[in-house]
Protein backbone atom coordinates (compact mmCIF):
# COMPACT_ATOMS: atom_id res chain seq x y z
CA MET A 1 135.89 118.27 177.67
CA SER A 2 137.34 121.70 178.64
CA LEU A 3 141.06 122.49 179.83
CA SER A 4 142.43 122.32 182.98
CA PRO A 5 143.90 125.97 183.49
CA LEU A 6 147.00 126.67 182.74
CA PRO A 7 149.81 128.34 184.19
CA SER A 8 151.51 131.30 182.89
CA ARG A 9 154.13 132.02 180.56
CA ALA A 10 156.24 134.08 183.31
CA GLU A 11 155.63 130.59 185.88
CA ALA A 12 156.91 128.90 183.19
CA LEU A 13 159.95 130.57 182.50
CA ALA A 14 160.91 131.06 185.85
CA LEU A 15 160.56 127.43 186.53
CA MET A 16 162.70 126.57 183.51
CA GLU A 17 165.29 129.22 185.10
CA ALA A 18 165.51 127.57 188.23
CA TRP A 19 166.18 124.57 186.63
CA THR A 20 168.78 125.51 184.34
CA GLN A 21 171.50 126.57 184.50
CA SER A 22 173.16 126.27 181.22
CA ASP A 23 172.36 129.82 178.58
CA SER A 24 172.45 126.96 175.13
CA LEU A 25 169.38 125.01 176.88
CA ARG A 26 167.66 126.86 177.70
CA LYS A 27 168.31 128.90 174.41
CA HIS A 28 166.56 125.86 172.72
CA MET A 29 163.86 125.14 175.65
CA LEU A 30 162.71 128.92 174.59
CA SER A 31 163.69 128.42 170.39
CA VAL A 32 160.91 125.29 170.79
CA GLU A 33 159.14 127.31 172.49
CA CYS A 34 159.10 129.74 169.36
CA ALA A 35 158.61 127.21 166.57
CA MET A 36 155.75 125.33 168.57
CA ARG A 37 153.58 128.95 168.91
CA ALA A 38 153.94 129.14 165.32
CA TYR A 39 152.62 125.98 164.78
CA ALA A 40 149.59 127.20 166.47
CA ARG A 41 148.99 130.20 165.04
CA GLN A 42 149.04 128.04 161.58
CA TYR A 43 146.35 125.72 163.52
CA GLY A 44 144.77 127.67 164.96
CA GLU A 45 145.44 126.66 167.94
CA ASP A 46 146.02 127.62 172.13
CA GLU A 47 149.20 129.85 171.94
CA ALA A 48 150.00 130.24 174.69
CA ARG A 49 149.29 126.42 175.77
CA TRP A 50 151.20 124.78 173.09
CA GLY A 51 154.30 127.27 173.88
CA ILE A 52 154.22 126.68 177.54
CA THR A 53 154.42 123.10 176.33
CA GLY A 54 157.25 123.73 174.11
CA LEU A 55 159.04 126.92 177.22
CA LEU A 56 159.38 123.49 179.78
CA HIS A 57 160.02 120.20 177.64
CA ASP A 58 163.40 120.23 179.09
CA PHE A 59 163.28 121.99 181.16
CA ASP A 60 164.75 118.87 184.33
CA TYR A 61 167.02 117.91 181.52
CA GLU A 62 169.96 119.31 183.65
CA ARG A 63 168.82 117.65 187.18
CA PHE A 64 167.56 113.88 185.56
CA PRO A 65 169.94 113.52 182.49
CA ASN A 66 168.68 109.81 181.91
CA ALA A 67 171.69 108.28 180.16
CA ALA A 68 170.00 105.37 180.62
CA GLN A 69 166.83 106.77 178.64
CA ALA A 70 164.57 105.14 181.86
CA ALA A 71 161.22 105.03 180.75
CA ASP A 72 160.31 106.18 184.35
CA ALA A 73 162.51 108.00 185.80
CA GLU A 74 164.62 110.81 184.88
CA HIS A 75 164.03 113.54 182.05
CA PRO A 76 161.09 113.53 181.54
CA SER A 77 159.10 111.51 183.80
CA GLU A 78 160.61 113.72 187.12
CA GLY A 79 159.58 116.86 185.62
CA VAL A 80 156.47 116.04 184.39
CA ARG A 81 155.67 114.47 187.70
CA HIS A 82 157.07 118.11 189.41
CA LEU A 83 154.34 119.78 187.17
CA ARG A 84 152.02 117.30 187.90
CA SER A 85 152.43 118.38 191.04
CA LEU A 86 151.78 122.39 190.63
CA GLY A 87 148.78 121.58 188.87
CA TYR A 88 150.06 121.52 184.81
CA PRO A 89 147.24 120.45 182.55
CA GLU A 90 147.68 116.55 181.60
CA ASP A 91 147.25 117.26 178.08
CA VAL A 92 150.89 118.78 178.94
CA CYS A 93 152.55 116.66 180.93
CA GLU A 94 151.81 114.29 178.68
CA ALA A 95 153.08 116.08 175.01
CA ILE A 96 156.29 116.85 177.45
CA LEU A 97 156.56 112.78 177.96
CA GLY A 98 155.74 112.10 174.30
CA HIS A 99 158.52 114.43 173.16
CA ALA A 100 160.94 111.51 174.69
CA LEU A 101 160.48 107.69 172.61
CA PHE A 102 161.90 105.89 175.39
CA THR A 103 159.17 107.42 177.63
CA GLY A 104 156.85 104.75 175.36
CA VAL A 105 154.54 107.16 175.46
CA PRO A 106 152.42 107.58 172.41
CA ARG A 107 152.04 111.15 171.08
CA VAL A 108 148.75 111.23 170.82
CA THR A 109 147.74 114.93 170.12
CA ARG A 110 148.70 117.44 167.54
CA MET A 111 150.36 119.20 170.19
CA ALA A 112 152.15 116.26 170.93
CA LYS A 113 153.03 115.51 167.52
CA ALA A 114 154.26 118.48 166.89
CA LEU A 115 156.79 118.91 169.86
CA PHE A 116 158.64 115.77 169.16
CA ALA A 117 158.40 117.47 164.88
CA VAL A 118 160.10 120.34 165.76
CA ASP A 119 162.45 119.43 168.92
CA GLU A 120 165.53 118.19 167.12
CA LEU A 121 164.90 120.81 164.43
CA CYS A 122 164.95 122.92 166.70
CA GLY A 123 168.99 121.96 167.95
CA LEU A 124 170.09 121.48 163.91
CA VAL A 125 168.37 124.84 163.03
CA THR A 126 170.87 126.81 165.83
CA ALA A 127 173.68 124.07 165.05
CA ALA A 128 173.80 124.92 161.29
CA ALA A 129 172.63 128.90 161.68
CA LEU A 130 175.56 129.47 164.34
CA VAL A 131 178.07 128.15 161.57
CA ARG A 132 177.14 130.56 159.47
CA PRO A 133 179.85 133.26 158.26
CA SER A 134 176.67 135.69 160.12
CA ARG A 135 176.26 133.40 162.76
CA SER A 136 172.72 134.24 161.77
CA VAL A 137 169.13 132.01 161.58
CA LEU A 138 167.80 135.04 159.30
CA ASP A 139 170.16 134.46 156.22
CA LEU A 140 169.47 130.85 156.64
CA GLU A 141 167.33 128.55 154.29
CA ALA A 142 166.21 125.52 154.43
CA PRO A 143 168.47 124.08 151.86
CA SER A 144 171.20 124.70 153.85
CA VAL A 145 169.35 122.83 156.49
CA ARG A 146 168.68 119.10 154.66
CA LYS A 147 172.64 120.02 153.47
CA LYS A 148 173.67 119.88 157.04
CA MET A 149 171.42 116.87 157.63
CA LYS A 150 173.79 114.05 155.64
CA ASP A 151 176.56 114.64 157.56
CA LYS A 152 176.92 113.27 160.12
CA ALA A 153 179.50 114.94 161.53
CA PHE A 154 177.42 117.46 161.86
CA ALA A 155 175.45 118.36 165.60
CA ARG A 156 176.12 114.61 165.89
CA GLY A 157 173.62 114.61 169.00
CA VAL A 158 170.46 115.49 166.47
CA SER A 159 169.14 112.48 165.82
CA ARG A 160 168.12 113.06 161.86
CA GLU A 161 165.53 110.47 161.73
CA ASP A 162 163.04 112.09 164.42
CA VAL A 163 163.15 115.27 162.62
CA VAL A 164 161.86 113.27 159.63
CA ASN A 165 159.68 110.93 161.08
CA GLY A 166 157.98 113.65 163.25
CA ALA A 167 157.74 115.84 160.00
CA ALA A 168 155.77 112.44 158.60
CA ASP A 169 153.52 112.73 161.78
CA LEU A 170 152.63 115.59 161.79
CA GLY A 171 152.07 115.28 157.64
CA VAL A 172 154.07 117.99 156.93
CA GLU A 173 156.75 117.69 153.77
CA LEU A 174 159.97 118.07 155.39
CA ASP A 175 161.11 121.07 153.85
CA THR A 176 158.18 123.23 153.87
CA HIS A 177 158.86 121.81 158.26
CA ILE A 178 162.33 123.04 158.34
CA ALA A 179 161.62 126.93 156.49
CA PHE A 180 158.33 127.46 158.77
CA VAL A 181 160.48 126.39 161.67
CA ILE A 182 163.00 128.89 160.30
CA GLU A 183 160.92 131.64 159.67
CA ALA A 184 159.67 130.77 163.48
CA MET A 185 162.89 131.36 165.07
CA ARG A 186 164.00 134.69 163.39
CA GLY A 187 161.18 136.43 165.04
CA SER A 188 162.95 135.91 168.27
CA ALA A 189 166.19 135.51 166.60
CA SER A 190 168.08 138.45 169.48
CA THR A 191 166.83 136.38 172.64
CA LEU A 192 167.64 133.19 170.87
CA GLY A 193 171.16 134.23 170.19
CA LEU A 194 170.66 134.09 166.29
CA ALA A 195 170.87 137.91 165.18
CA GLY A 196 174.32 137.57 164.24
CA VAL A 197 177.41 139.25 164.70
CA SER A 198 177.06 142.61 164.68
CA THR A 199 178.49 144.82 161.62
CA ALA A 200 179.06 147.78 163.32
């Protein structure tokens, strides 16, 4: 089965930025893109395709926040309807739907499993980096993130259960998964605002 053609990253980025004003939410999507691209390389998959899936997974969150967690309305369903109208491939749309448990859309592909596995973790890594004296992901290590996971008051919006279950479903040991995502985010630390405080 041939995969549908993919819009360019520039088009996807422009769409994400047009729909998202929050700098922190934009950086979250960029961090998920980094992690998705890294896993695509690891698995020998289509890096551009996985990256765009990460880049757009929350692009409709500001417009359609879905506090009620409706299965077929608001985020991510409204965003996916828009992506489909633009001709985005179905595997990308399905993965984006599947990253929200309340949609009930099963995560069948490895790309969908990876998106779910890295989404909440990227948020946790970002939060853990920003409370370091350096405010940097460059000197953050996996044990520090594991320690923060145990603190229920820290980054309380991040689902620990999703982080643990996501790694298991992807078939990756949790500490290895955390270290992998940290390393992926280090590669774009400046773009993500996680390169740290200036020592100049």
